[in-house]
C-alpha atoms as a PDB file:
ATOM      1  CA  GLY A   1     -11.844  16.475  -5.156  1.00  0.00           C
ATOM      2  CA  PHE A   2     -10.274  13.852  -6.996  1.00  0.00           C
ATOM      3  CA  LYS A   3     -10.180  11.863  -9.815  1.00  0.00           C
ATOM      4  CA  PHE A   4     -10.190   8.043 -10.665  1.00  0.00           C
ATOM      5  CA  LEU A   5      -8.834   6.184 -13.222  1.00  0.00           C
ATOM      6  CA  ASP A   6      -9.957   2.164 -14.436  1.00  0.00           C
ATOM      7  CA  ALA A   7      -7.857  -1.314 -14.251  1.00  0.00           C
ATOM      8  CA  LYS A   8      -6.705  -0.706 -17.874  1.00  0.00           C
ATOM      9  CA  GLN A   9      -5.824   2.662 -17.321  1.00  0.00           C
ATOM     10  CA  SER A  10      -3.988   2.992 -13.798  1.00  0.00           C
ATOM     11  CA  ARG A  11      -1.769  -0.426 -15.824  1.00  0.00           C
ATOM     12  CA  LEU A  12      -1.259   2.430 -18.621  1.00  0.00           C
ATOM     13  CA  VAL A  13       0.331   4.306 -16.051  1.00  0.00           C
ATOM     14  CA  LEU A  14       1.933   2.147 -13.835  1.00  0.00           C
ATOM     15  CA  GLU A  15       3.464  -0.087 -16.025  1.00  0.00           C
ATOM     16  CA  ASP A  16       4.033   2.297 -19.034  1.00  0.00           C
ATOM     17  CA  ILE A  17       4.847   5.281 -18.657  1.00  0.00           C
ATOM     18  CA  TRP A  18       6.372   5.063 -14.379  1.00  0.00           C
ATOM     19  CA  GLY A  19       7.994   1.221 -15.659  1.00  0.00           C
ATOM     20  CA  ASN A  20       6.429  -0.087 -12.800  1.00  0.00           C
ATOM     21  CA  PRO A  21       6.323  -4.482 -13.846  1.00  0.00           C
ATOM     22  CA  GLU A  22       3.159  -5.877 -14.519  1.00  0.00           C
ATOM     23  CA  ASP A  23       0.119  -5.888 -12.279  1.00  0.00           C
ATOM     24  CA  LYS A  24      -2.848  -7.635 -13.038  1.00  0.00           C
ATOM     25  CA  THR A  25      -4.288  -7.237  -9.272  1.00  0.00           C
ATOM     26  CA  VAL A  26      -5.125  -2.938 -10.130  1.00  0.00           C
ATOM     27  CA  LEU A  27      -8.467  -2.235  -9.711  1.00  0.00           C
ATOM     28  CA  GLY A  28      -8.030   1.479 -10.626  1.00  0.00           C
ATOM     29  CA  MET A  29      -6.205   4.531  -8.954  1.00  0.00           C
ATOM     30  CA  ILE A  30      -7.286   7.303  -7.112  1.00  0.00           C
ATOM     31  CA  PHE A  31      -5.404  11.417  -7.932  1.00  0.00           C
ATOM     32  CA  PRO A  32      -6.814  14.341  -6.530  1.00  0.00           C
ATOM     33  CA  ALA A  33      -8.567  16.669  -8.650  1.00  0.00           C
ATOM     34  CA  TYR A  34      -5.348  18.819  -9.506  1.00  0.00           C
ATOM     35  CA  GLY A  35      -3.119  16.301 -10.225  1.00  0.00           C
ATOM     36  CA  GLY A  36      -1.862  13.229 -12.552  1.00  0.00           C
ATOM     37  CA  PRO A  37       0.168  10.752 -13.676  1.00  0.00           C
ATOM     38  CA  LEU A  38       2.300  13.174 -15.316  1.00  0.00           C
ATOM     39  CA  SER A  39       2.881  16.312 -12.574  1.00  0.00           C
ATOM     40  CA  ASP A  40       5.164  16.005 -10.610  1.00  0.00           C
ATOM     41  CA  SER A  41       4.018  18.055  -7.304  1.00  0.00           C
ATOM     42  CA  SER A  42       0.844  15.607  -7.150  1.00  0.00           C
ATOM     43  CA  TYR A  43       0.648  11.705  -5.590  1.00  0.00           C
ATOM     44  CA  ALA A  44      -1.819   8.827  -6.888  1.00  0.00           C
ATOM     45  CA  PHE A  45      -3.381   6.011  -4.790  1.00  0.00           C
ATOM     46  CA  ALA A  46      -3.554   2.517  -6.597  1.00  0.00           C
ATOM     47  CA  ILE A  47      -6.301   0.269  -5.330  1.00  0.00           C
ATOM     48  CA  THR A  48      -5.777  -3.238  -5.282  1.00  0.00           C
ATOM     49  CA  TRP A  49      -7.639  -6.320  -3.322  1.00  0.00           C
ATOM     50  CA  ASP A  50      -6.860  -8.814  -1.867  1.00  0.00           C
ATOM     51  CA  GLU A  51      -8.988 -12.026  -1.281  1.00  0.00           C
ATOM     52  CA  MET A  52      -6.488 -13.638   1.277  1.00  0.00           C
ATOM     53  CA  GLY A  53      -9.394 -14.197   3.588  1.00  0.00           C
ATOM     54  CA  TYR A  54      -9.866 -12.627   7.680  1.00  0.00           C
ATOM     55  CA  VAL A  55      -6.683 -11.152   8.630  1.00  0.00           C
ATOM     56  CA  LYS A  56      -6.583 -11.771  12.590  1.00  0.00           C
ATOM     57  CA  ASP A  57      -5.370  -8.457  14.500  1.00  0.00           C
ATOM     58  CA  ASP A  58      -4.532  -9.586  17.581  1.00  0.00           C
ATOM     59  CA  ASP A  59      -0.209  -9.000  17.084  1.00  0.00           C
ATOM     60  CA  ALA A  60      -1.170  -5.317  15.978  1.00  0.00           C
ATOM     61  CA  LYS A  61      -0.074  -3.826  19.812  1.00  0.00           C
ATOM     62  CA  ASP A  62       3.031  -6.677  19.874  1.00  0.00           C
ATOM     63  CA  MET A  63       4.509  -6.056  16.661  1.00  0.00           C
ATOM     64  CA  ASP A  64       8.535  -4.272  16.909  1.00  0.00           C
ATOM     65  CA  TYR A  65       8.482  -2.264  13.863  1.00  0.00           C
ATOM     66  CA  ALA A  66      12.255  -1.283  14.063  1.00  0.00           C
ATOM     67  CA  ALA A  67      13.387  -4.563  13.889  1.00  0.00           C
ATOM     68  CA  LEU A  68      10.517  -5.336  10.707  1.00  0.00           C
ATOM     69  CA  LEU A  69      12.503  -2.127   9.325  1.00  0.00           C
ATOM     70  CA  LYS A  70      15.928  -3.972   9.733  1.00  0.00           C
ATOM     71  CA  ASP A  71      14.390  -7.361   8.113  1.00  0.00           C
ATOM     72  CA  LEU A  72      12.958  -5.453   5.522  1.00  0.00           C
ATOM     73  CA  GLN A  73      16.203  -4.101   4.596  1.00  0.00           C
ATOM     74  CA  SER A  74      17.852  -7.443   5.030  1.00  0.00           C
ATOM     75  CA  ASP A  75      15.937  -8.703   2.319  1.00  0.00           C
ATOM     76  CA  GLU A  76      17.491  -6.217   0.132  1.00  0.00           C
ATOM     77  CA  LYS A  77      20.144  -8.219  -1.848  1.00  0.00           C
ATOM     78  CA  GLU A  78      18.472 -10.872  -2.610  1.00  0.00           C
ATOM     79  CA  MET A  79      15.442  -8.476  -4.341  1.00  0.00           C
ATOM     80  CA  ASN A  80      17.162  -6.567  -6.157  1.00  0.00           C
ATOM     81  CA  ALA A  81      18.883  -9.490  -7.704  1.00  0.00           C
ATOM     82  CA  GLU A  82      15.200 -10.673  -9.062  1.00  0.00           C
ATOM     83  CA  ARG A  83      14.714  -7.090  -9.803  1.00  0.00           C
ATOM     84  CA  ILE A  84      17.415  -6.419 -12.056  1.00  0.00           C
ATOM     85  CA  LYS A  85      17.476  -9.711 -13.512  1.00  0.00           C
ATOM     86  CA  MET A  86      13.868  -8.280 -14.520  1.00  0.00           C
ATOM     87  CA  GLY A  87      15.438  -5.643 -15.913  1.00  0.00           C
ATOM     88  CA  TYR A  88      14.054  -2.679 -12.969  1.00  0.00           C
ATOM     89  CA  GLU A  89      16.247  -0.891 -11.071  1.00  0.00           C
ATOM     90  CA  PRO A  90      17.466  -1.852  -7.540  1.00  0.00           C
ATOM     91  CA  ILE A  91      15.515  -0.348  -4.614  1.00  0.00           C
ATOM     92  CA  HIS A  92      16.598   1.025  -1.211  1.00  0.00           C
ATOM     93  CA  MET A  93      14.449   1.060   1.626  1.00  0.00           C
ATOM     94  CA  VAL A  94      15.711   4.287   3.505  1.00  0.00           C
ATOM     95  CA  GLY A  95      13.146   4.085   6.611  1.00  0.00           C
ATOM     96  CA  TRP A  96       9.663   4.615   7.414  1.00  0.00           C
ATOM     97  CA  ALA A  97       8.556   7.858   6.785  1.00  0.00           C
ATOM     98  CA  GLN A  98       5.707   6.982   8.506  1.00  0.00           C
ATOM     99  CA  LYS A  99       5.828   4.107  11.110  1.00  0.00           C
ATOM    100  CA  PRO A 100       3.317   1.527  11.245  1.00  0.00           C
ATOM    101  CA  TYR A 101      -0.120   2.556  13.035  1.00  0.00           C
ATOM    102  CA  TYR A 102      -3.310   0.397  13.247  1.00  0.00           C
ATOM    103  CA  ASP A 103      -6.469   1.712  14.119  1.00  0.00           C
ATOM    104  CA  GLY A 104      -7.907  -0.958  16.148  1.00  0.00           C
ATOM    105  CA  GLU A 105     -11.742   0.561  15.850  1.00  0.00           C
ATOM    106  CA  LYS A 106     -11.923   0.940  12.137  1.00  0.00           C
ATOM    107  CA  LYS A 107      -9.506  -1.574  10.935  1.00  0.00           C
ATOM    108  CA  VAL A 108      -7.110   0.343   8.891  1.00  0.00           C
ATOM    109  CA  LEU A 109      -3.953  -0.128   9.069  1.00  0.00           C
ATOM    110  CA  HIS A 110      -1.189   2.544   7.784  1.00  0.00           C
ATOM    111  CA  TRP A 111       2.439   2.445   7.186  1.00  0.00           C
ATOM    112  CA  ALA A 112       4.916   4.350   4.400  1.00  0.00           C
ATOM    113  CA  LYS A 113       7.982   3.813   3.478  1.00  0.00           C
ATOM    114  CA  GLU A 114      10.795   6.045   2.501  1.00  0.00           C
ATOM    115  CA  LEU A 115      12.587   4.440  -1.198  1.00  0.00           C
ATOM    116  CA  ASN A 116      15.217   5.009  -3.442  1.00  0.00           C
ATOM    117  CA  PHE A 117      14.840   3.505  -6.557  1.00  0.00           C
ATOM    118  CA  GLY A 118      18.685   3.064  -8.606  1.00  0.00           C
ATOM    119  CA  GLU A 119      20.202   6.130  -8.670  1.00  0.00           C
ATOM    120  CA  SER A 120      17.730   8.782  -8.211  1.00  0.00           C
ATOM    121  CA  GLU A 121      18.756  12.135  -6.469  1.00  0.00           C
ATOM    122  CA  THR A 122      14.889  11.974  -5.278  1.00  0.00           C
ATOM    123  CA  ASN A 123      13.078   9.469  -2.395  1.00  0.00           C
ATOM    124  CA  THR A 124      10.047   7.664  -2.870  1.00  0.00           C
ATOM    125  CA  LEU A 125       6.982   7.733  -1.099  1.00  0.00           C
ATOM    126  CA  ASN A 126       4.937   4.385  -0.459  1.00  0.00           C
ATOM    127  CA  TYR A 127       2.314   4.830   1.963  1.00  0.00           C
ATOM    128  CA  ASP A 128       0.713   1.995   2.267  1.00  0.00           C
ATOM    129  CA  VAL A 129      -3.532   1.509   4.138  1.00  0.00           C
ATOM    130  CA  ARG A 130      -5.421  -1.308   4.382  1.00  0.00           C
ATOM    131  CA  VAL A 131      -8.706  -1.820   5.237  1.00  0.00           C
ATOM    132  CA  LEU A 132      -9.281  -4.926   6.486  1.00  0.00           C
ATOM    133  CA  GLY A 133     -12.423  -7.255   5.647  1.00  0.00           C
ATOM    134  CA  ARG A 134     -14.469 -10.020   6.166  1.00  0.00           C
ATOM    135  CA  LYS A 135     -12.798 -11.966   3.366  1.00  0.00           C
ATOM    136  CA  GLY A 136      -9.350  -9.894   2.913  1.00  0.00           C
ATOM    137  CA  VAL A 137      -7.945  -6.731   2.135  1.00  0.00           C
ATOM    138  CA  LEU A 138      -8.524  -3.318   0.083  1.00  0.00           C
ATOM    139  CA  SER A 139      -5.494  -1.714  -0.167  1.00  0.00           C
ATOM    140  CA  LEU A 140      -5.251   2.170  -0.777  1.00  0.00           C
ATOM    141  CA  ASN A 141      -1.449   2.482  -1.370  1.00  0.00           C
ATOM    142  CA  ALA A 142      -0.239   6.425  -2.264  1.00  0.00           C
ATOM    143  CA  ILE A 143       2.877   6.899  -4.707  1.00  0.00           C
ATOM    144  CA  ALA A 144       4.506   9.569  -4.684  1.00  0.00           C
ATOM    145  CA  ALA A 145       7.958  12.138  -3.965  1.00  0.00           C
ATOM    146  CA  ILE A 146       8.822  11.929  -0.354  1.00  0.00           C
ATOM    147  CA  ASP A 147       8.171  15.644   0.091  1.00  0.00           C
ATOM    148  CA  GLN A 148       4.282  15.373  -0.997  1.00  0.00           C
ATOM    149  CA  LEU A 149       4.251  12.880   3.090  1.00  0.00           C
ATOM    150  CA  PRO A 150       2.330  16.166   4.101  1.00  0.00           C
ATOM    151  CA  LEU A 151      -0.155  16.138   1.860  1.00  0.00           C
ATOM    152  CA  VAL A 152      -0.850  12.232   1.507  1.00  0.00           C
ATOM    153  CA  ALA A 153      -1.226  12.124   5.253  1.00  0.00           C
ATOM    154  CA  GLN A 154      -3.516  15.655   4.653  1.00  0.00           C
ATOM    155  CA  ASP A 155      -5.966  13.638   1.897  1.00  0.00           C
ATOM    156  CA  ILE A 156      -5.577  10.082   3.462  1.00  0.00           C
ATOM    157  CA  PRO A 157      -9.218  10.841   5.602  1.00  0.00           C
ATOM    158  CA  GLN A 158     -11.033  12.112   2.306  1.00  0.00           C
ATOM    159  CA  VAL A 159      -9.612   8.956   0.561  1.00  0.00           C
ATOM    160  CA  LEU A 160     -10.371   6.567   3.385  1.00  0.00           C
ATOM    161  CA  ALA A 161     -13.914   7.592   3.304  1.00  0.00           C
ATOM    162  CA  MET A 162     -14.555   6.606   0.006  1.00  0.00           C
ATOM    163  CA  ALA A 163     -13.745   3.080   0.800  1.00  0.00           C
ATOM    164  CA  GLU A 164     -16.761   1.120   2.541  1.00  0.00           C
ATOM    165  CA  PHE A 165     -17.300  -2.609   2.000  1.00  0.00           C
ATOM    166  CA  THR A 166     -21.129  -3.565   1.813  1.00  0.00           C
ATOM    167  CA  GLU A 167     -23.486  -4.993   4.501  1.00  0.00           C
ATOM    168  CA  GLY A 168     -22.420  -8.543   5.239  1.00  0.00           C
ATOM    169  CA  ASN A 169     -18.780  -8.198   3.637  1.00  0.00           C
ATOM    170  CA  LYS A 170     -17.168  -5.994   7.307  1.00  0.00           C
ATOM    171  CA  TYR A 171     -14.902  -7.153   9.138  1.00  0.00           C
ATOM    172  CA  SER A 172     -17.132  -7.790  11.981  1.00  0.00           C
ATOM    173  CA  ASP A 173     -19.505  -9.584   9.512  1.00  0.00           C
ATOM    174  CA  PHE A 174     -16.958 -12.559  10.374  1.00  0.00           C
ATOM    175  CA  ASN A 175     -18.369 -16.009  11.140  1.00  0.00           C
ATOM    176  CA  SER A 176     -15.542 -18.205  12.413  1.00  0.00           C
ATOM    177  CA  SER A 177     -17.236 -21.699  11.139  1.00  0.00           C
ATOM    178  CA  THR A 178     -17.766 -20.542   7.477  1.00  0.00           C
ATOM    179  CA  ASP A 179     -14.429 -17.988   6.632  1.00  0.00           C
ATOM    180  CA  ASN A 180     -11.456 -18.462   5.858  1.00  0.00           C
ATOM    181  CA  ILE A 181      -8.483 -16.944   7.658  1.00  0.00           C
ATOM    182  CA  ALA A 182      -5.474 -15.165   6.309  1.00  0.00           C
ATOM    183  CA  ALA A 183      -2.232 -16.602   6.732  1.00  0.00           C
ATOM    184  CA  TYR A 184      -1.482 -12.959   7.480  1.00  0.00           C
ATOM    185  CA  THR A 185      -1.848 -11.218  10.901  1.00  0.00           C
ATOM    186  CA  VAL A 186      -1.666  -7.040  10.763  1.00  0.00           C
ATOM    187  CA  GLY A 187       2.393  -7.418  11.504  1.00  0.00           C
ATOM    188  CA  GLY A 188       2.380 -10.274   8.062  1.00  0.00           C
ATOM    189  CA  LEU A 189       0.886  -7.332   6.224  1.00  0.00           C
ATOM    190  CA  VAL A 190       3.664  -5.039   6.904  1.00  0.00           C
ATOM    191  CA  ALA A 191       6.050  -6.902   6.590  1.00  0.00           C
ATOM    192  CA  GLY A 192       4.955  -8.276   2.816  1.00  0.00           C
END
């Protein structure tokens, strides 16, 4: 029920067709079988891997996501000054499209932002799913128009079923005597 683009094809879509800054970390993209990069009624998951180390999750229950939202919104001015200098539109974070949620059993973090780019009349959905592993984080970032949120949320279980760490690389395989611990915790992943 899905299509996959490799890293080279994904960079073409993200950078040349959709006008995003260069991103050499993209491993691929997942589209629903009926959709594609030029479809208005579709979405795409951009896939990246960050070998940041083992992300501790003991702060997940204590995060104040309302305060985090305010911090993210207050950082916009500085971030947008850089984007404009680079020739890109400013981004305004309207709010959470889906409040952050951490599934401690599956070691998966979810959150979604509602964004507005420049003077666009249509807001954008940026739905992040982070799968924690022994040595880093697999990121599945859904990109769509905000009205596609129900469809993206409906398909997330199927997309997550495609991602599985190999034996020895799962979150539960962490070895405190040999493995690196990430500078970020679960809350830090949302804060970016």
